[in-house]
Amino acid sequence: MANLFQEKLRNITLDDVKRIFDWRNQLFIRSKMFNSEEIIWEEHLEWYNSLPNKSDRIAKVFSCNRVDYGVLNVSIINKESGVCEWGFYIGDEHAPKGTGLLLGYTSLNYIFVDLELRKICAQVIESNEISQRFHEKLGFNLDGILRKHIKRDKHYEDVYVYSLFKDEWQRKSKVIKVELEERFK
């Protein structure tokens, strides 16, 4: 795929902090998060400043053809068990169609190959049907539902728990790669 476009995940720098802050506080992003409240600047800076000190958490900026589009968060990294959780978003509302799939493809390869983990877990709130379909498209399996698990907007929502193993991704990634190659011809 490198001949079609140049996608990459890179460390977040101080120059990225304001853009990520603006992305994260957009209604279309935060309405799909567990915490749908606006993040205040001091809280955001605290998050950024804590990144180098966290061995169980990684955050990256996702870019394609030298344009930044989104963020990958890898958390609760347990090297001994080879597992982690992930979260992500495309912050640029005008990103080309398929950019989210490219972020997913690039991120999963990073987690399984570069980080050498064997399993990725995800939690998706009930109202985020787009993310549910996205995880299923990437090959994640629904492991269970935490019923009425979080309170949002004065009501309780279920949380869908997904997982994907490295060998499952190795098979599924071939299909996703072909789709991306077709989409970005």
C-alpha atoms as a PDB file:
ATOM      1  CA  MET A   1       0.000   0.000   0.000  1.00  0.00           C
ATOM      2  CA  ALA A   2       2.946   2.326   0.449  1.00  0.00           C
ATOM      3  CA  ASN A   3       2.886   3.047  -3.270  1.00  0.00           C
ATOM      4  CA  LEU A   4      -0.675   4.371  -3.032  1.00  0.00           C
ATOM      5  CA  PHE A   5      -0.314   6.635  -0.001  1.00  0.00           C
ATOM      6  CA  GLN A   6       1.933   7.204   2.962  1.00  0.00           C
ATOM      7  CA  GLU A   7       0.170   6.529   6.213  1.00  0.00           C
ATOM      8  CA  LYS A   8       1.879   6.702   9.543  1.00  0.00           C
ATOM      9  CA  LEU A   9       1.468   6.874  13.270  1.00  0.00           C
ATOM     10  CA  ARG A  10       3.778   9.291  15.026  1.00  0.00           C
ATOM     11  CA  ASN A  11       4.354  10.445  18.561  1.00  0.00           C
ATOM     12  CA  ILE A  12       2.307  13.407  19.688  1.00  0.00           C
ATOM     13  CA  THR A  13       4.370  16.575  20.014  1.00  0.00           C
ATOM     14  CA  LEU A  14       3.645  19.848  21.748  1.00  0.00           C
ATOM     15  CA  ASP A  15       2.777  21.277  18.319  1.00  0.00           C
ATOM     16  CA  ASP A  16      -0.099  18.749  18.077  1.00  0.00           C
ATOM     17  CA  VAL A  17      -1.679  19.444  21.459  1.00  0.00           C
ATOM     18  CA  LYS A  18      -3.956  22.328  20.421  1.00  0.00           C
ATOM     19  CA  ARG A  19      -5.222  20.508  17.307  1.00  0.00           C
ATOM     20  CA  ILE A  20      -5.994  17.344  19.307  1.00  0.00           C
ATOM     21  CA  PHE A  21      -7.734  19.453  21.954  1.00  0.00           C
ATOM     22  CA  ASP A  22      -9.924  21.030  19.256  1.00  0.00           C
ATOM     23  CA  TRP A  23     -10.626  17.654  17.624  1.00  0.00           C
ATOM     24  CA  ARG A  24     -11.555  15.958  20.900  1.00  0.00           C
ATOM     25  CA  ASN A  25     -13.987  18.715  21.878  1.00  0.00           C
ATOM     26  CA  GLN A  26     -15.974  18.629  18.640  1.00  0.00           C
ATOM     27  CA  LEU A  27     -19.521  17.455  19.295  1.00  0.00           C
ATOM     28  CA  PHE A  28     -19.356  14.710  16.653  1.00  0.00           C
ATOM     29  CA  ILE A  29     -16.322  13.232  18.463  1.00  0.00           C
ATOM     30  CA  ARG A  30     -17.175  13.695  22.132  1.00  0.00           C
ATOM     31  CA  SER A  31     -20.770  12.530  21.694  1.00  0.00           C
ATOM     32  CA  LYS A  32     -19.372   9.036  20.949  1.00  0.00           C
ATOM     33  CA  MET A  33     -16.962   8.967  23.889  1.00  0.00           C
ATOM     34  CA  PHE A  34     -17.515   7.513  27.335  1.00  0.00           C
ATOM     35  CA  ASN A  35     -16.913  11.017  28.639  1.00  0.00           C
ATOM     36  CA  SER A  36     -18.984  13.249  26.377  1.00  0.00           C
ATOM     37  CA  GLU A  37     -18.193  16.432  28.297  1.00  0.00           C
ATOM     38  CA  GLU A  38     -15.903  19.077  26.871  1.00  0.00           C
ATOM     39  CA  ILE A  39     -12.349  18.672  28.056  1.00  0.00           C
ATOM     40  CA  ILE A  40     -10.818  21.769  29.627  1.00  0.00           C
ATOM     41  CA  TRP A  41      -7.397  22.952  28.450  1.00  0.00           C
ATOM     42  CA  GLU A  42      -5.625  22.220  31.763  1.00  0.00           C
ATOM     43  CA  GLU A  43      -6.969  18.672  31.806  1.00  0.00           C
ATOM     44  CA  HIS A  44      -5.842  18.166  28.226  1.00  0.00           C
ATOM     45  CA  LEU A  45      -2.329  19.460  28.997  1.00  0.00           C
ATOM     46  CA  GLU A  46      -2.163  17.159  32.004  1.00  0.00           C
ATOM     47  CA  TRP A  47      -3.025  14.212  29.716  1.00  0.00           C
ATOM     48  CA  TYR A  48      -0.306  15.210  27.239  1.00  0.00           C
ATOM     49  CA  ASN A  49       2.318  15.761  29.926  1.00  0.00           C
ATOM     50  CA  SER A  50       1.578  12.362  31.478  1.00  0.00           C
ATOM     51  CA  LEU A  51       2.182  10.419  28.241  1.00  0.00           C
ATOM     52  CA  PRO A  52       5.963   9.964  28.614  1.00  0.00           C
ATOM     53  CA  ASN A  53       5.476   8.635  32.148  1.00  0.00           C
ATOM     54  CA  LYS A  54       2.925   5.953  31.301  1.00  0.00           C
ATOM     55  CA  SER A  55       4.338   2.567  30.291  1.00  0.00           C
ATOM     56  CA  ASP A  56       0.832   1.136  29.884  1.00  0.00           C
ATOM     57  CA  ARG A  57      -0.441   3.851  27.509  1.00  0.00           C
ATOM     58  CA  ILE A  58       0.558   5.123  24.064  1.00  0.00           C
ATOM     59  CA  ALA A  59      -1.011   7.915  22.029  1.00  0.00           C
ATOM     60  CA  LYS A  60      -0.187   8.618  18.391  1.00  0.00           C
ATOM     61  CA  VAL A  61      -1.258  11.031  15.674  1.00  0.00           C
ATOM     62  CA  PHE A  62      -2.448   9.322  12.497  1.00  0.00           C
ATOM     63  CA  SER A  63      -1.512  10.993   9.235  1.00  0.00           C
ATOM     64  CA  CYS A  64      -1.794  10.140   5.574  1.00  0.00           C
ATOM     65  CA  ASN A  65       0.158  11.830   2.798  1.00  0.00           C
ATOM     66  CA  ARG A  66       1.539  14.267   5.395  1.00  0.00           C
ATOM     67  CA  VAL A  67      -1.899  15.413   6.557  1.00  0.00           C
ATOM     68  CA  ASP A  68      -2.921  14.735  10.168  1.00  0.00           C
ATOM     69  CA  TYR A  69      -6.376  13.217  10.479  1.00  0.00           C
ATOM     70  CA  GLY A  70      -6.802  11.547  13.843  1.00  0.00           C
ATOM     71  CA  VAL A  71      -5.570   9.919  17.018  1.00  0.00           C
ATOM     72  CA  LEU A  72      -4.841   6.398  18.206  1.00  0.00           C
ATOM     73  CA  ASN A  73      -4.880   5.636  21.924  1.00  0.00           C
ATOM     74  CA  VAL A  74      -3.544   2.302  23.166  1.00  0.00           C
ATOM     75  CA  SER A  75      -4.186   1.780  26.859  1.00  0.00           C
ATOM     76  CA  ILE A  76      -4.048  -0.788  29.622  1.00  0.00           C
ATOM     77  CA  ILE A  77      -1.076  -2.363  27.848  1.00  0.00           C
ATOM     78  CA  ASN A  78      -0.115  -5.581  29.585  1.00  0.00           C
ATOM     79  CA  LYS A  79       3.069  -6.891  27.929  1.00  0.00           C
ATOM     80  CA  GLU A  80       3.104 -10.056  30.048  1.00  0.00           C
ATOM     81  CA  SER A  81      -0.362 -11.096  28.879  1.00  0.00           C
ATOM     82  CA  GLY A  82       0.055  -9.481  25.460  1.00  0.00           C
ATOM     83  CA  VAL A  83      -3.195  -7.504  25.618  1.00  0.00           C
ATOM     84  CA  CYS A  84      -4.334  -3.905  25.404  1.00  0.00           C
ATOM     85  CA  GLU A  85      -7.364  -1.745  24.810  1.00  0.00           C
ATOM     86  CA  TRP A  86      -7.607   0.741  21.993  1.00  0.00           C
ATOM     87  CA  GLY A  87      -9.510   3.852  21.088  1.00  0.00           C
ATOM     88  CA  PHE A  88      -9.275   6.131  18.086  1.00  0.00           C
ATOM     89  CA  TYR A  89     -10.989   8.853  16.147  1.00  0.00           C
ATOM     90  CA  ILE A  90     -10.743  10.813  12.950  1.00  0.00           C
ATOM     91  CA  GLY A  91     -10.771  14.422  14.113  1.00  0.00           C
ATOM     92  CA  ASP A  92     -10.897  16.005  10.679  1.00  0.00           C
ATOM     93  CA  GLU A  93     -14.562  16.076   9.733  1.00  0.00           C
ATOM     94  CA  HIS A  94     -13.599  16.503   6.064  1.00  0.00           C
ATOM     95  CA  ALA A  95     -11.180  13.586   5.871  1.00  0.00           C
ATOM     96  CA  PRO A  96     -11.438  11.598   2.640  1.00  0.00           C
ATOM     97  CA  LYS A  97     -13.838   8.663   2.700  1.00  0.00           C
ATOM     98  CA  GLY A  98     -11.983   5.573   3.863  1.00  0.00           C
ATOM     99  CA  THR A  99      -9.555   7.434   6.133  1.00  0.00           C
ATOM    100  CA  GLY A 100     -11.067   5.773   9.209  1.00  0.00           C
ATOM    101  CA  LEU A 101     -10.552   2.326   7.717  1.00  0.00           C
ATOM    102  CA  LEU A 102      -6.961   3.250   6.901  1.00  0.00           C
ATOM    103  CA  LEU A 103      -6.444   4.429  10.485  1.00  0.00           C
ATOM    104  CA  GLY A 104      -7.836   1.119  11.751  1.00  0.00           C
ATOM    105  CA  TYR A 105      -5.658  -0.939   9.400  1.00  0.00           C
ATOM    106  CA  THR A 106      -2.512   1.024  10.235  1.00  0.00           C
ATOM    107  CA  SER A 107      -3.231   0.979  13.983  1.00  0.00           C
ATOM    108  CA  LEU A 108      -3.940  -2.742  14.193  1.00  0.00           C
ATOM    109  CA  ASN A 109      -0.759  -3.543  12.304  1.00  0.00           C
ATOM    110  CA  TYR A 110       1.158  -1.255  14.677  1.00  0.00           C
ATOM    111  CA  ILE A 111      -0.326  -2.913  17.769  1.00  0.00           C
ATOM    112  CA  PHE A 112       0.174  -6.483  16.585  1.00  0.00           C
ATOM    113  CA  VAL A 113       3.515  -6.099  14.771  1.00  0.00           C
ATOM    114  CA  ASP A 114       5.381  -3.218  16.405  1.00  0.00           C
ATOM    115  CA  LEU A 115       4.059  -3.612  19.946  1.00  0.00           C
ATOM    116  CA  GLU A 116       4.005  -7.410  19.555  1.00  0.00           C
ATOM    117  CA  LEU A 117       0.713  -7.825  21.394  1.00  0.00           C
ATOM    118  CA  ARG A 118      -1.563 -10.807  20.813  1.00  0.00           C
ATOM    119  CA  LYS A 119      -5.001  -9.387  21.632  1.00  0.00           C
ATOM    120  CA  ILE A 120      -6.799  -6.061  21.414  1.00  0.00           C
ATOM    121  CA  CYS A 121      -9.925  -5.271  23.409  1.00  0.00           C
ATOM    122  CA  ALA A 122     -12.424  -2.508  22.769  1.00  0.00           C
ATOM    123  CA  GLN A 123     -15.449  -1.109  24.530  1.00  0.00           C
ATOM    124  CA  VAL A 124     -18.123   0.668  22.506  1.00  0.00           C
ATOM    125  CA  ILE A 125     -21.155   2.458  23.886  1.00  0.00           C
ATOM    126  CA  GLU A 126     -24.522   1.216  22.721  1.00  0.00           C
ATOM    127  CA  SER A 127     -25.443   4.415  20.879  1.00  0.00           C
ATOM    128  CA  ASN A 128     -22.249   4.351  18.787  1.00  0.00           C
ATOM    129  CA  GLU A 129     -23.519   2.002  16.102  1.00  0.00           C
ATOM    130  CA  ILE A 130     -20.929   3.240  13.593  1.00  0.00           C
ATOM    131  CA  SER A 131     -18.105   2.079  15.869  1.00  0.00           C
ATOM    132  CA  GLN A 132     -19.840  -1.260  16.456  1.00  0.00           C
ATOM    133  CA  ARG A 133     -20.021  -1.876  12.689  1.00  0.00           C
ATOM    134  CA  PHE A 134     -16.447  -0.650  12.269  1.00  0.00           C
ATOM    135  CA  HIS A 135     -15.099  -3.127  14.810  1.00  0.00           C
ATOM    136  CA  GLU A 136     -17.035  -5.962  13.204  1.00  0.00           C
ATOM    137  CA  LYS A 137     -15.712  -4.970   9.758  1.00  0.00           C
ATOM    138  CA  LEU A 138     -12.149  -5.129  11.130  1.00  0.00           C
ATOM    139  CA  GLY A 139     -12.794  -8.665  12.394  1.00  0.00           C
ATOM    140  CA  PHE A 140     -13.450  -7.997  16.070  1.00  0.00           C
ATOM    141  CA  ASN A 141     -15.748 -10.430  17.860  1.00  0.00           C
ATOM    142  CA  LEU A 142     -18.437  -9.333  20.276  1.00  0.00           C
ATOM    143  CA  ASP A 143     -17.459 -10.930  23.583  1.00  0.00           C
ATOM    144  CA  GLY A 144     -20.321  -9.603  25.639  1.00  0.00           C
ATOM    145  CA  ILE A 145     -22.496  -6.730  26.698  1.00  0.00           C
ATOM    146  CA  LEU A 146     -22.186  -4.847  29.954  1.00  0.00           C
ATOM    147  CA  ARG A 147     -25.838  -4.042  30.480  1.00  0.00           C
ATOM    148  CA  LYS A 148     -26.816  -0.514  31.475  1.00  0.00           C
ATOM    149  CA  HIS A 149     -23.167   0.075  32.355  1.00  0.00           C
ATOM    150  CA  ILE A 150     -22.682   3.826  32.014  1.00  0.00           C
ATOM    151  CA  LYS A 151     -24.886   6.836  32.574  1.00  0.00           C
ATOM    152  CA  ARG A 152     -25.068   9.305  29.721  1.00  0.00           C
ATOM    153  CA  ASP A 153     -27.538  12.126  29.264  1.00  0.00           C
ATOM    154  CA  LYS A 154     -29.731  11.039  32.180  1.00  0.00           C
ATOM    155  CA  HIS A 155     -30.074   7.419  31.016  1.00  0.00           C
ATOM    156  CA  TYR A 156     -27.996   4.254  31.198  1.00  0.00           C
ATOM    157  CA  GLU A 157     -26.382   2.657  28.172  1.00  0.00           C
ATOM    158  CA  ASP A 158     -25.010  -0.787  27.479  1.00  0.00           C
ATOM    159  CA  VAL A 159     -21.334  -1.174  26.653  1.00  0.00           C
ATOM    160  CA  TYR A 160     -20.347  -3.671  23.954  1.00  0.00           C
ATOM    161  CA  VAL A 161     -17.100  -5.513  24.627  1.00  0.00           C
ATOM    162  CA  TYR A 162     -15.070  -6.627  21.599  1.00  0.00           C
ATOM    163  CA  SER A 163     -11.767  -8.418  21.067  1.00  0.00           C
ATOM    164  CA  LEU A 164      -9.466  -9.321  18.200  1.00  0.00           C
ATOM    165  CA  PHE A 165      -6.552 -11.755  18.252  1.00  0.00           C
ATOM    166  CA  LYS A 166      -3.413 -11.373  16.160  1.00  0.00           C
ATOM    167  CA  ASP A 167      -4.091 -14.494  14.069  1.00  0.00           C
ATOM    168  CA  GLU A 168      -7.627 -13.280  13.339  1.00  0.00           C
ATOM    169  CA  TRP A 169      -6.231  -9.926  12.204  1.00  0.00           C
ATOM    170  CA  GLN A 170      -3.616 -11.591  10.004  1.00  0.00           C
ATOM    171  CA  ARG A 171      -6.439 -13.228   8.041  1.00  0.00           C
ATOM    172  CA  LYS A 172      -8.788 -10.232   8.039  1.00  0.00           C
ATOM    173  CA  SER A 173      -6.080  -7.691   7.207  1.00  0.00           C
ATOM    174  CA  LYS A 174      -5.668  -9.182   3.729  1.00  0.00           C
ATOM    175  CA  VAL A 175      -9.307  -8.396   2.928  1.00  0.00           C
ATOM    176  CA  ILE A 176      -9.036  -4.895   4.383  1.00  0.00           C
ATOM    177  CA  LYS A 177      -5.823  -4.243   2.444  1.00  0.00           C
ATOM    178  CA  VAL A 178      -7.540  -5.135  -0.854  1.00  0.00           C
ATOM    179  CA  GLU A 179     -10.461  -2.836  -0.004  1.00  0.00           C
ATOM    180  CA  LEU A 180      -8.094   0.016   0.814  1.00  0.00           C
ATOM    181  CA  GLU A 181      -6.139  -0.511  -2.385  1.00  0.00           C
ATOM    182  CA  GLU A 182      -9.369  -0.393  -4.377  1.00  0.00           C
ATOM    183  CA  ARG A 183     -10.616   2.692  -2.548  1.00  0.00           C
ATOM    184  CA  PHE A 184      -7.392   4.668  -2.844  1.00  0.00           C
ATOM    185  CA  LYS A 185      -6.455   3.800  -6.455  1.00  0.00           C
END
